[in-house]
Amino acid sequence: MLFLQTLCCESLTRRYGQKTAVDALDLTFTEGVWGLLGANGAGKTTLMRMLCGILQPTVGRVRYGGAGIEALGEEYRALLGYLPQDFGYYPDFTAKEFLLYIASLKGLSKAQAMQRSEALLREVGLYEVRGKRLRTYSGGMKQRLGIAQAMLNDPQILILDEPTAGLDPKERVRFRNLLAEYAQGRLVLLSTHIVPDVESIADNILLMKAGRIVEQGTVPQLVKSAAGRVWLTAVPPAEADRLEAVYTVANRRRVPDSDEVELRLITADPPAGAVPAAPTLEDVYLYHFADTAGEERAV
């Protein structure tokens, strides 16, 4: 059994015809929680599929502990847990039957399968409904089952693609707590475009756009990088409409007991009268991923 070592991408590239989905990435992952933030189409899923060995790169390679994952083969796959965006399930299985079936595919003994299945069903809040058919499950319940199946083999490397899709706020908190605990001594990589899902638990965050990593670091490092780019201004509604057409607006709200509207602007060149505000990770995200089709945006 390999112990946890670094997982490295070397000039990792994937093209689909003329489109480059992942563009010459050089990354090194170590233990802890890694958040991969980006808009839909940024290349997150393609990157994760290459890290899992499901998709072959056009150029470059993935190494674990210095060895190519294609050479490690089954030894590497035994270390992996993976939740794709759309995982398959059998609607007539119960949750318990499904996990026992997946456990057998992953090579767990019957005793291991029973123990891990029972424990994970409790951890994801499905133990009381473990005997119900999956066709009766809500979208959020199915997603929690998907998280459980990814963790069945107690993987050293856990890769989760949009794992919180369909989860309500309480379920998302449970999930974040579960991951923070699980990541001790392991590598957890999760992709999302929901900033709060990584802000509270990620040790490192990667911001991915058009197949490239445009910024990376801890939450404090990324937030610091947005200093001087976040502003507040209170203006009449007509002026607020004009500013929204020019600037990236993170938030708009009516000022209590006033006829004015407060705007939170993301820009390095604020309008007269705007005052600086403390940036957040969501501000960093908007700075990089706000719609920039209009040349007039002052970002």
Protein backbone atom coordinates (compact mmCIF):
# COMPACT_ATOMS: atom_id res chain seq x y z
CA MET A 1 0.00 0.00 0.00
CA LEU A 2 1.42 3.40 -0.97
CA PHE A 3 1.51 6.10 1.67
CA LEU A 4 0.22 9.54 0.80
CA GLN A 5 2.68 11.36 -1.42
CA THR A 6 2.46 14.34 -3.74
CA LEU A 7 0.14 14.22 -6.73
CA CYS A 8 1.62 16.23 -9.58
CA CYS A 9 0.43 17.50 -12.95
CA GLU A 10 3.17 18.13 -15.50
CA SER A 11 2.22 20.29 -18.50
CA LEU A 12 -1.20 18.65 -18.28
CA THR A 13 -3.23 19.45 -21.38
CA ARG A 14 -6.44 18.13 -22.86
CA ARG A 15 -7.85 19.20 -26.20
CA TYR A 16 -11.13 18.34 -27.88
CA GLY A 17 -10.56 19.13 -31.52
CA GLN A 18 -9.69 22.82 -31.68
CA LYS A 19 -10.87 23.48 -28.11
CA THR A 20 -8.37 23.34 -25.25
CA ALA A 21 -10.20 22.34 -22.07
CA VAL A 22 -7.11 22.13 -19.85
CA ASP A 23 -4.08 24.16 -20.87
CA ALA A 24 -0.55 23.10 -19.81
CA LEU A 25 -1.13 22.89 -16.04
CA ASP A 26 1.76 22.36 -13.63
CA LEU A 27 0.34 21.65 -10.17
CA THR A 28 1.43 19.85 -7.03
CA PHE A 29 -1.19 18.59 -4.59
CA THR A 30 -0.32 17.62 -1.03
CA GLU A 31 -2.52 16.49 1.86
CA GLY A 32 -5.42 18.63 3.00
CA VAL A 33 -8.55 20.06 1.40
CA TRP A 34 -8.10 21.67 -2.02
CA GLY A 35 -10.92 23.72 -3.49
CA LEU A 36 -11.17 24.07 -7.27
CA LEU A 37 -13.30 27.13 -8.03
CA GLY A 38 -14.46 28.10 -11.49
CA ALA A 39 -17.47 28.80 -13.64
CA ASN A 40 -19.14 26.07 -15.67
CA GLY A 41 -16.91 25.21 -18.62
CA ALA A 42 -13.69 26.28 -16.89
CA GLY A 43 -12.14 22.81 -17.28
CA LYS A 44 -12.64 21.53 -13.73
CA THR A 45 -14.28 18.24 -14.67
CA THR A 46 -11.73 17.50 -17.40
CA LEU A 47 -8.89 18.08 -14.93
CA MET A 48 -10.45 15.81 -12.32
CA ARG A 49 -11.07 13.03 -14.82
CA MET A 50 -7.41 13.14 -15.83
CA LEU A 51 -6.32 13.05 -12.18
CA CYS A 52 -8.43 9.91 -11.77
CA GLY A 53 -6.95 8.27 -14.88
CA ILE A 54 -10.37 8.14 -16.56
CA LEU A 55 -9.34 10.54 -19.31
CA GLN A 56 -5.96 10.50 -21.04
CA PRO A 57 -4.19 13.85 -21.45
CA THR A 58 -3.38 15.11 -24.93
CA VAL A 59 -0.04 16.34 -23.59
CA GLY A 60 1.65 15.94 -20.21
CA ARG A 61 1.10 13.46 -17.42
CA VAL A 62 -0.05 12.90 -13.84
CA ARG A 63 2.43 11.49 -11.32
CA TYR A 64 1.89 10.13 -7.85
CA GLY A 65 5.00 9.86 -5.70
CA GLY A 66 7.11 10.38 -8.82
CA ALA A 67 5.56 7.53 -10.81
CA GLY A 68 3.09 7.95 -13.66
CA ILE A 69 -0.41 6.93 -12.63
CA GLU A 70 -0.79 4.85 -15.80
CA ALA A 71 2.17 2.74 -14.67
CA LEU A 72 0.83 2.41 -11.12
CA GLY A 73 -2.47 1.13 -12.53
CA GLU A 74 -4.58 -0.73 -9.99
CA GLU A 75 -2.30 0.32 -7.14
CA TYR A 76 -3.19 3.96 -7.80
CA ARG A 77 -6.90 3.28 -8.37
CA ALA A 78 -7.05 1.54 -4.98
CA LEU A 79 -6.07 4.87 -3.37
CA LEU A 80 -8.83 6.81 -5.14
CA GLY A 81 -12.37 7.76 -4.30
CA TYR A 82 -14.28 9.66 -6.98
CA LEU A 83 -17.68 11.30 -7.22
CA PRO A 84 -18.49 12.46 -10.77
CA GLN A 85 -21.03 15.19 -11.45
CA ASP A 86 -23.60 12.58 -12.46
CA PHE A 87 -22.99 9.25 -10.78
CA GLY A 88 -24.96 6.19 -11.81
CA TYR A 89 -27.20 4.26 -9.44
CA TYR A 90 -29.74 1.45 -9.63
CA PRO A 91 -33.23 2.76 -8.78
CA ASP A 92 -34.49 -0.58 -7.44
CA PHE A 93 -31.56 -0.99 -5.02
CA THR A 94 -31.81 0.20 -1.45
CA ALA A 95 -29.05 2.50 -0.22
CA LYS A 96 -27.51 -0.34 1.76
CA GLU A 97 -27.64 -2.74 -1.20
CA PHE A 98 -26.07 -0.13 -3.44
CA LEU A 99 -23.15 0.54 -1.10
CA LEU A 100 -22.53 -3.18 -0.59
CA TYR A 101 -22.51 -3.65 -4.35
CA ILE A 102 -20.04 -0.80 -4.89
CA ALA A 103 -17.90 -2.15 -2.04
CA SER A 104 -17.66 -5.52 -3.80
CA LEU A 105 -16.52 -3.77 -6.99
CA LYS A 106 -13.84 -2.00 -4.98
CA GLY A 107 -12.59 -5.29 -3.54
CA LEU A 108 -13.68 -4.87 0.06
CA SER A 109 -14.30 -8.01 2.10
CA LYS A 110 -17.86 -8.69 3.24
CA ALA A 111 -17.01 -7.63 6.80
CA GLN A 112 -15.31 -4.43 5.59
CA ALA A 113 -18.21 -3.66 3.27
CA MET A 114 -20.78 -4.02 6.05
CA GLN A 115 -18.76 -1.93 8.50
CA ARG A 116 -17.97 0.90 6.05
CA SER A 117 -21.48 1.00 4.59
CA GLU A 118 -23.15 1.26 8.01
CA ALA A 119 -20.70 3.93 9.20
CA LEU A 120 -21.00 6.07 6.07
CA LEU A 121 -24.78 5.85 5.95
CA ARG A 122 -24.78 7.31 9.46
CA GLU A 123 -22.25 10.02 8.55
CA VAL A 124 -24.22 11.25 5.54
CA GLY A 125 -27.55 11.08 7.36
CA LEU A 126 -29.11 8.20 5.40
CA TYR A 127 -29.02 5.42 7.99
CA GLU A 128 -32.70 5.70 8.89
CA VAL A 129 -33.71 5.36 5.21
CA ARG A 130 -31.08 2.76 4.23
CA GLY A 131 -33.81 0.22 3.40
CA LYS A 132 -35.72 2.46 0.98
CA ARG A 133 -35.43 2.12 -2.80
CA LEU A 134 -33.25 4.72 -4.44
CA ARG A 135 -36.03 5.69 -6.83
CA THR A 136 -37.80 7.23 -3.81
CA TYR A 137 -34.80 9.37 -2.85
CA SER A 138 -34.69 13.11 -3.41
CA GLY A 139 -31.87 14.66 -5.41
CA GLY A 140 -30.07 15.70 -2.23
CA MET A 141 -30.33 12.19 -0.76
CA LYS A 142 -28.89 10.67 -3.92
CA GLN A 143 -26.03 13.16 -3.79
CA ARG A 144 -25.27 12.19 -0.19
CA LEU A 145 -25.25 8.54 -1.26
CA GLY A 146 -22.80 9.46 -4.02
CA ILE A 147 -20.49 11.04 -1.45
CA ALA A 148 -20.72 7.88 0.67
CA GLN A 149 -19.84 5.57 -2.25
CA ALA A 150 -16.77 7.69 -3.05
CA MET A 151 -15.51 7.18 0.52
CA LEU A 152 -16.22 3.45 0.79
CA ASN A 153 -12.65 2.25 0.31
CA ASP A 154 -11.30 4.84 2.77
CA PRO A 155 -9.35 6.47 -0.07
CA GLN A 156 -6.13 8.41 0.40
CA ILE A 157 -7.13 10.65 -2.51
CA LEU A 158 -10.77 11.78 -2.61
CA ILE A 159 -11.89 13.68 -5.71
CA LEU A 160 -15.38 15.19 -5.71
CA ASP A 161 -16.90 16.99 -8.70
CA GLU A 162 -19.63 19.46 -7.65
CA PRO A 163 -20.44 17.38 -4.54
CA THR A 164 -22.87 19.86 -2.98
CA ALA A 165 -25.21 20.07 -5.98
CA GLY A 166 -28.73 19.45 -4.71
CA LEU A 167 -27.84 19.68 -1.02
CA ASP A 168 -29.76 22.03 1.24
CA PRO A 169 -27.84 24.40 3.59
CA LYS A 170 -27.98 21.99 6.55
CA GLU A 171 -26.72 19.10 4.41
CA ARG A 172 -23.90 21.26 3.05
CA VAL A 173 -22.74 22.09 6.58
CA ARG A 174 -22.77 18.38 7.46
CA PHE A 175 -20.78 17.64 4.31
CA ARG A 176 -18.17 20.34 5.01
CA ASN A 177 -17.67 19.06 8.56
CA LEU A 178 -17.31 15.50 7.29
CA LEU A 179 -14.67 16.50 4.75
CA ALA A 180 -12.68 18.65 7.17
CA GLU A 181 -12.40 15.68 9.51
CA TYR A 182 -11.69 13.18 6.76
CA ALA A 183 -8.87 15.21 5.18
CA GLN A 184 -6.45 14.63 8.06
CA GLY A 185 -3.50 12.83 6.43
CA ARG A 186 -5.33 12.59 3.09
CA LEU A 187 -5.80 14.62 -0.08
CA VAL A 188 -9.31 15.90 -0.79
CA LEU A 189 -10.00 17.83 -3.99
CA LEU A 190 -13.46 19.23 -4.62
CA SER A 191 -14.65 21.37 -7.48
CA THR A 192 -17.50 23.83 -7.21
CA HIS A 193 -18.73 27.23 -8.27
CA ILE A 194 -20.33 27.77 -4.84
CA VAL A 195 -17.78 29.82 -2.91
CA PRO A 196 -19.00 29.14 0.69
CA ASP A 197 -18.59 25.39 0.13
CA VAL A 198 -14.81 25.73 0.11
CA GLU A 199 -14.23 28.99 1.96
CA SER A 200 -14.56 27.49 5.44
CA ILE A 201 -12.66 24.21 4.95
CA ALA A 202 -10.15 24.50 2.08
CA ASP A 203 -6.46 24.67 2.97
CA ASN A 204 -5.70 25.77 -0.59
CA ILE A 205 -7.88 27.15 -3.35
CA LEU A 206 -7.32 27.08 -7.11
CA LEU A 207 -9.23 29.50 -9.34
CA MET A 208 -9.61 27.97 -12.78
CA LYS A 209 -10.68 29.86 -15.89
CA ALA A 210 -10.55 28.76 -19.55
CA GLY A 211 -8.40 25.75 -18.70
CA ARG A 212 -5.78 27.65 -16.70
CA ILE A 213 -5.21 28.37 -13.03
CA VAL A 214 -5.48 32.15 -12.80
CA GLU A 215 -4.79 32.39 -9.07
CA GLN A 216 -4.13 30.06 -6.15
CA GLY A 217 -3.44 30.26 -2.43
CA THR A 218 -5.07 30.13 0.97
CA VAL A 219 -8.26 32.06 1.62
CA PRO A 220 -6.40 34.90 3.42
CA GLN A 221 -3.88 35.12 0.57
CA LEU A 222 -6.57 35.32 -2.09
CA VAL A 223 -8.64 37.81 -0.12
CA LYS A 224 -5.56 39.98 0.37
CA SER A 225 -5.01 39.97 -3.40
CA ALA A 226 -8.37 41.75 -3.82
CA ALA A 227 -7.44 44.67 -1.56
CA GLY A 228 -8.30 47.95 -3.25
CA ARG A 229 -10.78 46.34 -5.64
CA VAL A 230 -13.94 46.26 -3.49
CA TRP A 231 -16.00 49.40 -2.89
CA LEU A 232 -19.34 50.50 -1.48
CA THR A 233 -21.41 53.37 -2.78
CA ALA A 234 -24.94 54.58 -2.02
CA VAL A 235 -26.72 56.29 -4.90
CA PRO A 236 -30.25 56.94 -6.23
CA PRO A 237 -31.83 53.99 -8.13
CA ALA A 238 -31.31 55.56 -11.57
CA GLU A 239 -27.61 56.05 -10.89
CA ALA A 240 -27.39 52.49 -9.53
CA ASP A 241 -28.78 51.20 -12.82
CA ARG A 242 -26.13 53.17 -14.73
CA LEU A 243 -23.31 51.89 -12.51
CA GLU A 244 -24.49 48.28 -12.90
CA ALA A 245 -24.03 48.62 -16.65
CA VAL A 246 -20.42 49.70 -16.15
CA TYR A 247 -19.08 47.86 -13.11
CA THR A 248 -19.14 44.34 -11.72
CA VAL A 249 -21.66 44.51 -8.87
CA ALA A 250 -21.33 41.93 -6.08
CA ASN A 251 -24.42 43.07 -4.21
CA ARG A 252 -27.28 45.54 -4.51
CA ARG A 253 -29.58 46.42 -1.64
CA ARG A 254 -31.97 49.16 -0.66
CA VAL A 255 -30.58 51.35 2.14
CA PRO A 256 -33.03 51.18 5.09
CA ASP A 257 -35.08 54.35 5.66
CA SER A 258 -33.64 55.91 2.52
CA ASP A 259 -34.39 56.34 -1.17
CA GLU A 260 -30.87 55.25 -2.06
CA VAL A 261 -29.43 51.92 -3.20
CA GLU A 262 -26.13 50.55 -1.89
CA LEU A 263 -23.89 48.80 -4.43
CA ARG A 264 -20.86 46.62 -3.72
CA LEU A 265 -18.53 47.19 -6.67
CA ILE A 266 -15.59 45.06 -7.82
CA THR A 267 -13.18 47.40 -9.60
CA ALA A 268 -9.75 49.00 -9.37
CA ASP A 269 -11.20 52.31 -10.62
CA PRO A 270 -14.23 53.19 -8.47
CA PRO A 271 -16.64 56.07 -9.09
CA ALA A 272 -16.36 59.26 -7.07
CA GLY A 273 -17.72 58.94 -3.56
CA ALA A 274 -17.22 55.15 -3.24
CA VAL A 275 -15.54 53.94 -0.04
CA PRO A 276 -13.28 50.86 0.28
CA ALA A 277 -14.72 47.63 1.72
CA ALA A 278 -13.02 44.57 3.17
CA PRO A 279 -12.86 41.94 0.38
CA THR A 280 -14.18 38.39 0.67
CA LEU A 281 -13.43 35.23 -1.29
CA GLU A 282 -16.66 35.77 -3.22
CA ASP A 283 -15.32 39.16 -4.32
CA VAL A 284 -12.15 37.46 -5.59
CA TYR A 285 -14.28 34.98 -7.51
CA LEU A 286 -16.36 37.73 -9.10
CA TYR A 287 -13.26 39.71 -10.00
CA HIS A 288 -12.02 36.78 -12.09
CA PHE A 289 -15.28 35.26 -13.29
CA ALA A 290 -17.77 38.07 -13.78
CA ASP A 291 -19.08 38.31 -17.35
CA THR A 292 -16.47 40.32 -19.23
CA ALA A 293 -18.15 40.24 -22.64
CA GLY A 294 -18.82 43.98 -22.41
CA GLU A 295 -15.65 46.00 -22.97
CA GLU A 296 -17.11 48.82 -20.90
CA ARG A 297 -16.79 46.96 -17.57
CA ALA A 298 -14.32 48.81 -15.33
CA VAL A 299 -12.51 45.79 -13.87
